[in-house]
N, C-alpha and C. Protein backbone atom coordinates (compact mmCIF):
# COMPACT_ATOMS: atom_id res chain seq x y z
N MET A 1 95.47 90.00 83.14
CA MET A 1 95.96 91.05 84.02
C MET A 1 94.92 92.16 84.02
N SER A 2 94.71 92.77 85.16
CA SER A 2 93.76 93.87 85.24
C SER A 2 94.45 95.09 85.80
N GLU A 3 93.72 96.19 85.82
CA GLU A 3 94.26 97.42 86.41
C GLU A 3 94.39 97.26 87.91
N ASP A 4 95.27 98.04 88.50
CA ASP A 4 95.47 98.02 89.95
C ASP A 4 94.23 98.56 90.63
N ALA A 5 93.48 97.72 91.27
CA ALA A 5 92.35 98.20 92.04
C ALA A 5 92.88 98.63 93.41
N GLY A 6 93.48 97.72 94.14
CA GLY A 6 94.19 98.09 95.34
C GLY A 6 93.47 97.87 96.63
N SER A 7 92.16 98.05 96.70
CA SER A 7 91.46 97.98 97.97
C SER A 7 91.58 96.60 98.59
N ARG A 8 92.19 96.56 99.78
CA ARG A 8 92.40 95.31 100.54
C ARG A 8 93.18 94.28 99.74
N ALA A 9 93.98 94.71 98.81
CA ALA A 9 94.73 93.83 97.93
C ALA A 9 95.68 92.91 98.71
N VAL A 10 96.01 91.80 98.08
CA VAL A 10 97.10 90.95 98.54
C VAL A 10 98.33 91.42 97.77
N ILE A 11 99.43 91.63 98.48
CA ILE A 11 100.67 92.06 97.85
C ILE A 11 101.66 90.89 97.86
N ALA A 12 102.17 90.56 96.67
CA ALA A 12 103.21 89.54 96.54
C ALA A 12 104.51 90.24 96.16
N ALA A 13 105.51 90.17 97.01
CA ALA A 13 106.80 90.79 96.73
C ALA A 13 107.71 89.74 96.10
N VAL A 14 108.20 90.02 94.90
CA VAL A 14 108.99 89.04 94.17
C VAL A 14 110.28 89.65 93.63
N VAL A 15 111.20 88.77 93.28
CA VAL A 15 112.44 89.16 92.62
C VAL A 15 112.55 88.34 91.33
N PRO A 16 113.25 88.88 90.33
CA PRO A 16 113.42 88.13 89.08
C PRO A 16 114.06 86.76 89.33
N GLY A 17 113.56 85.77 88.65
CA GLY A 17 114.11 84.42 88.75
C GLY A 17 113.61 83.62 89.93
N GLN A 18 112.72 84.21 90.71
CA GLN A 18 112.20 83.53 91.90
C GLN A 18 111.18 82.46 91.48
N SER A 19 111.02 81.48 92.32
CA SER A 19 110.03 80.43 92.08
C SER A 19 108.64 81.04 91.92
N PRO A 20 107.82 80.51 91.04
CA PRO A 20 106.46 81.02 90.87
C PRO A 20 105.55 80.75 92.07
N ARG A 21 106.02 79.97 93.03
CA ARG A 21 105.18 79.63 94.19
C ARG A 21 104.68 80.85 94.95
N VAL A 22 105.52 81.89 95.06
CA VAL A 22 105.13 83.08 95.81
C VAL A 22 103.91 83.72 95.16
N VAL A 23 103.98 83.95 93.86
CA VAL A 23 102.88 84.58 93.13
C VAL A 23 101.65 83.68 93.13
N GLN A 24 101.84 82.39 92.96
CA GLN A 24 100.70 81.47 92.93
C GLN A 24 99.99 81.39 94.27
N GLU A 25 100.74 81.34 95.37
CA GLU A 25 100.11 81.32 96.70
C GLU A 25 99.38 82.63 96.96
N ALA A 26 100.00 83.74 96.59
CA ALA A 26 99.36 85.04 96.78
C ALA A 26 98.08 85.13 95.96
N ALA A 27 98.11 84.64 94.73
CA ALA A 27 96.91 84.66 93.87
C ALA A 27 95.80 83.80 94.46
N ARG A 28 96.17 82.69 95.05
CA ARG A 28 95.17 81.82 95.68
C ARG A 28 94.45 82.56 96.81
N TYR A 29 95.22 83.24 97.65
CA TYR A 29 94.60 83.99 98.75
C TYR A 29 93.79 85.17 98.23
N ALA A 30 94.27 85.84 97.20
CA ALA A 30 93.53 86.97 96.62
C ALA A 30 92.20 86.50 96.04
N ALA A 31 92.23 85.39 95.30
CA ALA A 31 91.00 84.86 94.70
C ALA A 31 90.02 84.41 95.79
N LEU A 32 90.51 83.74 96.83
CA LEU A 32 89.63 83.31 97.91
C LEU A 32 89.00 84.49 98.64
N SER A 33 89.73 85.59 98.73
CA SER A 33 89.24 86.78 99.43
C SER A 33 88.46 87.72 98.51
N GLY A 34 88.53 87.49 97.21
CA GLY A 34 87.84 88.36 96.27
C GLY A 34 88.48 89.74 96.17
N VAL A 35 89.79 89.80 96.34
CA VAL A 35 90.51 91.07 96.25
C VAL A 35 91.57 90.96 95.16
N PRO A 36 92.06 92.10 94.66
CA PRO A 36 93.09 92.05 93.63
C PRO A 36 94.45 91.64 94.19
N LEU A 37 95.31 91.19 93.30
CA LEU A 37 96.68 90.83 93.63
C LEU A 37 97.60 91.87 93.03
N LEU A 38 98.48 92.43 93.85
CA LEU A 38 99.51 93.34 93.38
C LEU A 38 100.85 92.62 93.48
N VAL A 39 101.46 92.34 92.35
CA VAL A 39 102.78 91.72 92.32
C VAL A 39 103.77 92.87 92.27
N VAL A 40 104.67 92.93 93.25
CA VAL A 40 105.60 94.05 93.31
C VAL A 40 107.05 93.58 93.28
N HIS A 41 107.85 94.36 92.59
CA HIS A 41 109.30 94.18 92.57
C HIS A 41 109.89 95.48 93.08
N VAL A 42 110.87 95.41 93.96
CA VAL A 42 111.49 96.61 94.49
C VAL A 42 112.86 96.80 93.86
N ASP A 43 113.03 97.94 93.18
CA ASP A 43 114.31 98.30 92.58
C ASP A 43 115.15 98.95 93.67
N THR A 44 116.16 98.25 94.13
CA THR A 44 117.00 98.76 95.22
C THR A 44 118.12 99.66 94.72
N THR A 45 118.21 99.88 93.40
CA THR A 45 119.24 100.77 92.87
C THR A 45 118.77 102.22 92.85
N ARG A 46 117.48 102.45 93.13
CA ARG A 46 116.94 103.81 93.21
C ARG A 46 116.37 104.03 94.59
N PHE A 47 116.26 105.29 94.98
CA PHE A 47 115.66 105.61 96.26
C PHE A 47 114.78 106.84 96.11
N VAL A 48 113.83 106.98 97.01
CA VAL A 48 112.91 108.11 96.98
C VAL A 48 113.65 109.34 97.47
N SER A 49 113.69 110.39 96.64
CA SER A 49 114.30 111.63 97.10
C SER A 49 113.26 112.53 97.76
N PHE A 50 112.04 112.57 97.21
CA PHE A 50 110.90 113.21 97.87
C PHE A 50 109.63 112.84 97.13
N GLU A 51 108.50 113.02 97.81
CA GLU A 51 107.20 112.69 97.24
C GLU A 51 106.32 113.93 97.29
N ASP A 52 105.74 114.29 96.14
CA ASP A 52 104.83 115.43 96.06
C ASP A 52 103.56 115.13 96.83
N PRO A 53 102.85 116.18 97.27
CA PRO A 53 101.57 115.97 97.97
C PRO A 53 100.56 115.18 97.14
N ASP A 54 100.65 115.28 95.80
CA ASP A 54 99.71 114.53 94.95
C ASP A 54 100.12 113.08 94.75
N GLY A 55 101.22 112.66 95.38
CA GLY A 55 101.63 111.26 95.32
C GLY A 55 102.73 110.95 94.33
N TYR A 56 103.11 111.92 93.47
CA TYR A 56 104.19 111.65 92.51
C TYR A 56 105.50 111.49 93.26
N VAL A 57 106.20 110.41 92.98
CA VAL A 57 107.46 110.09 93.67
C VAL A 57 108.63 110.50 92.80
N HIS A 58 109.50 111.34 93.34
CA HIS A 58 110.74 111.71 92.67
C HIS A 58 111.82 110.78 93.20
N SER A 59 112.61 110.22 92.29
CA SER A 59 113.63 109.28 92.73
C SER A 59 115.00 109.71 92.24
N ALA A 60 116.00 109.16 92.88
CA ALA A 60 117.38 109.35 92.47
C ALA A 60 117.98 107.96 92.29
N THR A 61 118.97 107.88 91.42
CA THR A 61 119.58 106.59 91.13
C THR A 61 120.91 106.45 91.86
N VAL A 62 121.10 105.28 92.45
CA VAL A 62 122.37 104.99 93.10
C VAL A 62 123.45 104.80 92.04
N ASP A 63 123.10 104.18 90.95
CA ASP A 63 124.03 104.00 89.84
C ASP A 63 123.24 104.09 88.53
N VAL A 64 123.87 103.77 87.43
CA VAL A 64 123.21 103.90 86.14
C VAL A 64 122.57 102.57 85.74
N ALA A 65 121.65 102.09 86.57
CA ALA A 65 121.05 100.78 86.35
C ALA A 65 119.63 100.88 85.84
N GLY A 66 119.28 101.97 85.17
CA GLY A 66 117.92 102.13 84.67
C GLY A 66 117.50 100.99 83.75
N ALA A 67 118.38 100.59 82.85
CA ALA A 67 118.06 99.49 81.93
C ALA A 67 117.88 98.19 82.69
N ALA A 68 118.70 97.99 83.72
CA ALA A 68 118.59 96.77 84.52
C ALA A 68 117.27 96.74 85.28
N ALA A 69 116.83 97.89 85.78
CA ALA A 69 115.55 97.96 86.50
C ALA A 69 114.38 97.67 85.56
N ARG A 70 114.45 98.20 84.34
CA ARG A 70 113.38 97.92 83.36
C ARG A 70 113.38 96.45 82.98
N ALA A 71 114.56 95.86 82.84
CA ALA A 71 114.65 94.44 82.51
C ALA A 71 114.11 93.58 83.64
N ALA A 72 114.41 93.96 84.88
CA ALA A 72 113.89 93.21 86.03
C ALA A 72 112.38 93.27 86.07
N LEU A 73 111.81 94.45 85.82
CA LEU A 73 110.36 94.59 85.81
C LEU A 73 109.74 93.75 84.70
N ALA A 74 110.34 93.77 83.52
CA ALA A 74 109.83 92.96 82.40
C ALA A 74 109.88 91.48 82.74
N ASP A 75 110.95 91.05 83.41
CA ASP A 75 111.10 89.66 83.83
C ASP A 75 110.00 89.28 84.82
N VAL A 76 109.76 90.16 85.80
CA VAL A 76 108.72 89.90 86.80
C VAL A 76 107.34 89.85 86.13
N GLU A 77 107.07 90.75 85.19
CA GLU A 77 105.78 90.74 84.48
C GLU A 77 105.58 89.45 83.69
N ALA A 78 106.62 89.03 82.97
CA ALA A 78 106.52 87.81 82.16
C ALA A 78 106.36 86.58 83.05
N ALA A 79 107.13 86.50 84.12
CA ALA A 79 107.04 85.36 85.03
C ALA A 79 105.67 85.31 85.71
N SER A 80 105.14 86.47 86.07
CA SER A 80 103.82 86.52 86.70
C SER A 80 102.74 86.07 85.72
N ALA A 81 102.85 86.50 84.47
CA ALA A 81 101.87 86.08 83.46
C ALA A 81 101.87 84.57 83.29
N ARG A 82 103.07 83.97 83.27
CA ARG A 82 103.16 82.50 83.15
C ARG A 82 102.59 81.82 84.39
N ALA A 83 102.97 82.30 85.56
CA ALA A 83 102.55 81.67 86.81
C ALA A 83 101.06 81.82 87.06
N LEU A 84 100.47 82.90 86.56
CA LEU A 84 99.06 83.17 86.86
C LEU A 84 98.11 82.86 85.72
N SER A 85 98.62 82.23 84.65
CA SER A 85 97.71 81.87 83.56
C SER A 85 96.68 80.88 84.10
N GLY A 86 95.44 81.19 83.89
CA GLY A 86 94.36 80.35 84.40
C GLY A 86 93.91 80.70 85.80
N SER A 87 94.55 81.67 86.44
CA SER A 87 94.17 82.08 87.79
C SER A 87 92.91 82.94 87.74
N ASP A 88 92.10 82.83 88.79
CA ASP A 88 90.89 83.65 88.88
C ASP A 88 91.17 85.02 89.48
N ALA A 89 92.36 85.25 89.98
CA ALA A 89 92.68 86.52 90.64
C ALA A 89 92.92 87.62 89.62
N ALA A 90 92.37 88.81 89.89
CA ALA A 90 92.69 90.00 89.12
C ALA A 90 94.05 90.47 89.62
N TRP A 91 94.99 90.71 88.71
CA TRP A 91 96.34 91.04 89.17
C TRP A 91 96.98 92.11 88.30
N SER A 92 97.99 92.75 88.87
CA SER A 92 98.79 93.73 88.16
C SER A 92 100.19 93.73 88.78
N VAL A 93 101.12 94.36 88.08
CA VAL A 93 102.51 94.41 88.52
C VAL A 93 102.91 95.86 88.73
N ARG A 94 103.64 96.11 89.79
CA ARG A 94 104.20 97.43 90.08
C ARG A 94 105.67 97.29 90.43
N GLN A 95 106.42 98.33 90.10
CA GLN A 95 107.80 98.38 90.57
C GLN A 95 107.90 99.50 91.59
N LEU A 96 108.43 99.16 92.75
CA LEU A 96 108.66 100.11 93.81
C LEU A 96 110.15 100.42 93.85
N ILE A 97 110.53 101.42 94.62
CA ILE A 97 111.95 101.76 94.70
C ILE A 97 112.37 101.91 96.16
N GLY A 98 113.66 101.67 96.41
CA GLY A 98 114.22 101.89 97.73
C GLY A 98 114.42 100.63 98.53
N ASP A 99 114.32 100.78 99.84
CA ASP A 99 114.45 99.66 100.77
C ASP A 99 113.24 98.75 100.60
N PRO A 100 113.44 97.45 100.35
CA PRO A 100 112.30 96.57 100.07
C PRO A 100 111.23 96.57 101.16
N ALA A 101 111.60 96.39 102.40
CA ALA A 101 110.59 96.31 103.46
C ALA A 101 109.83 97.63 103.58
N LEU A 102 110.54 98.74 103.57
CA LEU A 102 109.88 100.04 103.73
C LEU A 102 108.98 100.37 102.54
N ALA A 103 109.42 100.03 101.33
CA ALA A 103 108.61 100.28 100.14
C ALA A 103 107.33 99.44 100.16
N ILE A 104 107.44 98.19 100.58
CA ILE A 104 106.26 97.31 100.65
C ILE A 104 105.31 97.81 101.73
N ILE A 105 105.84 98.23 102.87
CA ILE A 105 104.99 98.75 103.94
C ILE A 105 104.26 100.00 103.48
N ASP A 106 104.94 100.88 102.77
CA ASP A 106 104.32 102.11 102.27
C ASP A 106 103.18 101.78 101.30
N LEU A 107 103.42 100.86 100.37
CA LEU A 107 102.36 100.46 99.44
C LEU A 107 101.20 99.81 100.18
N ALA A 108 101.51 98.96 101.14
CA ALA A 108 100.46 98.28 101.91
C ALA A 108 99.55 99.29 102.60
N GLU A 109 100.13 100.36 103.11
CA GLU A 109 99.33 101.42 103.74
C GLU A 109 98.44 102.11 102.71
N LYS A 110 99.02 102.42 101.54
CA LYS A 110 98.28 103.15 100.51
C LYS A 110 97.07 102.37 99.99
N VAL A 111 97.22 101.04 99.87
CA VAL A 111 96.13 100.23 99.30
C VAL A 111 95.36 99.47 100.36
N ASP A 112 95.72 99.68 101.64
CA ASP A 112 95.08 98.96 102.74
C ASP A 112 95.12 97.45 102.50
N ALA A 113 96.32 96.95 102.24
CA ALA A 113 96.51 95.53 101.90
C ALA A 113 96.00 94.62 103.00
N SER A 114 95.48 93.48 102.59
CA SER A 114 94.98 92.51 103.55
C SER A 114 96.03 91.47 103.93
N LEU A 115 97.04 91.26 103.06
CA LEU A 115 98.05 90.23 103.29
C LEU A 115 99.28 90.58 102.48
N LEU A 116 100.46 90.32 103.06
CA LEU A 116 101.73 90.46 102.35
C LEU A 116 102.33 89.07 102.19
N VAL A 117 102.78 88.77 100.98
CA VAL A 117 103.33 87.44 100.69
C VAL A 117 104.75 87.62 100.17
N VAL A 118 105.70 86.93 100.80
CA VAL A 118 107.10 86.98 100.39
C VAL A 118 107.65 85.56 100.36
N GLY A 119 108.76 85.40 99.68
CA GLY A 119 109.43 84.10 99.65
C GLY A 119 110.67 84.12 100.51
N THR A 120 111.18 82.94 100.80
CA THR A 120 112.45 82.85 101.51
C THR A 120 113.57 83.09 100.51
N ARG A 121 114.75 83.31 101.02
CA ARG A 121 115.91 83.50 100.15
C ARG A 121 116.49 82.15 99.75
N LYS A 122 117.26 82.18 98.65
CA LYS A 122 117.96 80.97 98.24
C LYS A 122 118.99 80.61 99.30
N ARG A 123 119.27 79.33 99.42
CA ARG A 123 120.30 78.89 100.35
C ARG A 123 121.66 79.16 99.76
N GLY A 124 122.59 79.36 100.61
CA GLY A 124 123.97 79.57 100.16
C GLY A 124 124.66 80.59 101.03
N LEU A 125 125.97 80.55 101.03
CA LEU A 125 126.76 81.43 101.88
C LEU A 125 126.55 82.89 101.52
N GLY A 126 126.55 83.20 100.22
CA GLY A 126 126.38 84.59 99.79
C GLY A 126 125.05 85.16 100.25
N GLU A 127 123.97 84.40 100.10
CA GLU A 127 122.65 84.86 100.54
C GLU A 127 122.58 84.97 102.05
N SER A 128 123.23 84.05 102.75
CA SER A 128 123.23 84.11 104.22
C SER A 128 123.97 85.35 104.72
N ILE A 129 125.07 85.68 104.08
CA ILE A 129 125.82 86.89 104.47
C ILE A 129 124.99 88.12 104.17
N ARG A 130 124.36 88.17 102.98
CA ARG A 130 123.53 89.31 102.61
C ARG A 130 122.39 89.48 103.61
N GLU A 131 121.74 88.38 104.00
CA GLU A 131 120.65 88.47 104.96
C GLU A 131 121.15 88.91 106.33
N PHE A 132 122.33 88.44 106.71
CA PHE A 132 122.91 88.85 108.00
C PHE A 132 123.16 90.36 108.01
N LEU A 133 123.68 90.89 106.89
CA LEU A 133 124.02 92.31 106.82
C LEU A 133 122.79 93.21 106.64
N THR A 134 121.85 92.80 105.81
CA THR A 134 120.70 93.67 105.50
C THR A 134 119.44 93.28 106.24
N GLY A 135 119.40 92.09 106.78
CA GLY A 135 118.21 91.63 107.48
C GLY A 135 117.22 90.98 106.53
N SER A 136 116.39 90.16 107.08
CA SER A 136 115.37 89.47 106.31
C SER A 136 114.21 90.42 106.06
N VAL A 137 113.79 90.52 104.80
CA VAL A 137 112.63 91.36 104.48
C VAL A 137 111.40 90.82 105.21
N ALA A 138 111.22 89.51 105.23
CA ALA A 138 110.07 88.92 105.93
C ALA A 138 110.08 89.29 107.41
N ALA A 139 111.23 89.19 108.06
CA ALA A 139 111.32 89.53 109.48
C ALA A 139 111.05 91.01 109.70
N ARG A 140 111.59 91.86 108.85
CA ARG A 140 111.35 93.29 108.99
C ARG A 140 109.88 93.63 108.77
N LEU A 141 109.22 92.94 107.84
CA LEU A 141 107.79 93.19 107.61
C LEU A 141 106.97 92.78 108.84
N THR A 142 107.32 91.68 109.46
CA THR A 142 106.54 91.23 110.61
C THR A 142 106.73 92.12 111.82
N HIS A 143 107.84 92.83 111.90
CA HIS A 143 108.12 93.67 113.06
C HIS A 143 107.75 95.13 112.88
N ARG A 144 107.51 95.56 111.64
CA ARG A 144 107.33 97.00 111.39
C ARG A 144 105.93 97.40 110.92
N GLN A 145 105.00 96.49 110.86
CA GLN A 145 103.65 96.85 110.44
C GLN A 145 102.68 95.81 110.99
N HIS A 146 101.37 96.04 110.82
CA HIS A 146 100.36 95.24 111.51
C HIS A 146 99.68 94.18 110.64
N ARG A 147 99.99 94.11 109.37
CA ARG A 147 99.31 93.16 108.49
C ARG A 147 99.93 91.76 108.60
N PRO A 148 99.14 90.73 108.30
CA PRO A 148 99.72 89.39 108.30
C PRO A 148 100.71 89.23 107.14
N VAL A 149 101.74 88.43 107.39
CA VAL A 149 102.77 88.16 106.39
C VAL A 149 102.85 86.65 106.19
N LEU A 150 102.71 86.22 104.95
CA LEU A 150 102.85 84.82 104.60
C LEU A 150 104.22 84.64 103.97
N VAL A 151 105.04 83.77 104.55
CA VAL A 151 106.37 83.49 104.02
C VAL A 151 106.32 82.13 103.34
N VAL A 152 106.55 82.13 102.04
CA VAL A 152 106.48 80.90 101.24
C VAL A 152 107.88 80.31 101.12
N PRO A 153 108.07 79.06 101.60
CA PRO A 153 109.40 78.46 101.48
C PRO A 153 109.72 78.15 100.02
N LEU A 154 110.93 78.44 99.63
CA LEU A 154 111.36 78.22 98.24
C LEU A 154 112.52 77.25 98.20
N GLY A 155 112.58 76.50 97.14
CA GLY A 155 113.71 75.59 96.96
C GLY A 155 113.74 74.48 97.98
N GLU A 156 114.94 74.01 98.21
CA GLU A 156 115.13 72.91 99.15
C GLU A 156 114.96 73.41 100.59
N THR A 157 114.41 72.57 101.40
CA THR A 157 114.35 72.89 102.82
C THR A 157 115.62 72.38 103.48
N VAL A 158 115.94 72.93 104.64
CA VAL A 158 117.13 72.50 105.36
C VAL A 158 116.82 71.16 106.01
N PRO A 159 117.63 70.12 105.73
CA PRO A 159 117.41 68.83 106.36
C PRO A 159 117.48 68.95 107.87
N PRO A 160 116.73 68.12 108.61
CA PRO A 160 116.70 68.23 110.07
C PRO A 160 118.06 68.08 110.73
N ASP A 161 118.98 67.34 110.10
CA ASP A 161 120.29 67.11 110.73
C ASP A 161 121.33 68.17 110.33
N GLU A 162 120.94 69.16 109.50
CA GLU A 162 121.86 70.20 109.08
C GLU A 162 121.60 71.48 109.86
N GLU A 163 122.68 72.09 110.36
CA GLU A 163 122.52 73.33 111.11
C GLU A 163 122.27 74.48 110.15
N LEU A 164 121.47 75.45 110.60
CA LEU A 164 121.28 76.67 109.84
C LEU A 164 122.56 77.49 109.94
N VAL A 165 122.86 78.29 108.92
CA VAL A 165 124.11 79.03 108.85
C VAL A 165 124.32 79.91 110.07
N TRP A 166 123.26 80.52 110.60
CA TRP A 166 123.41 81.46 111.71
C TRP A 166 123.42 80.78 113.08
N GLU A 167 123.26 79.46 113.14
CA GLU A 167 123.30 78.77 114.41
C GLU A 167 124.71 78.41 114.81
């Protein structure tokens, strides 16, 4: 793991327990491009209350989930270390706060990211309802900023004869 360099970095947005494919694909693109990899996890239990001119972000908590946020970050760091052992990419982990798509877009602007990498959601009724209500982070990223977005399929794919939940 290296320090966050940031210039033209590849950003991999991950959640705890996610398949290592997202981080591995992002690392492959970062290594091929000769840029650093920023693995990011977004803590949705906190939100930005204001940001100082020097860049310090003041946050407020939606609930008392500080320990859960630290545990999620530790999980993401450990999973990234396992997934990237032997990788040629220089990488680091950051935790962002707030709305996932907006937080990733903000970081991408700050580091002039060259590529954003996200995974698909797990299949299931609960995840489908959550995506219907909150929207797909991948779709929001593709519609709200100008950088390329790589969506890595995770888990089982939908068989050709099975309808998607929203169809």
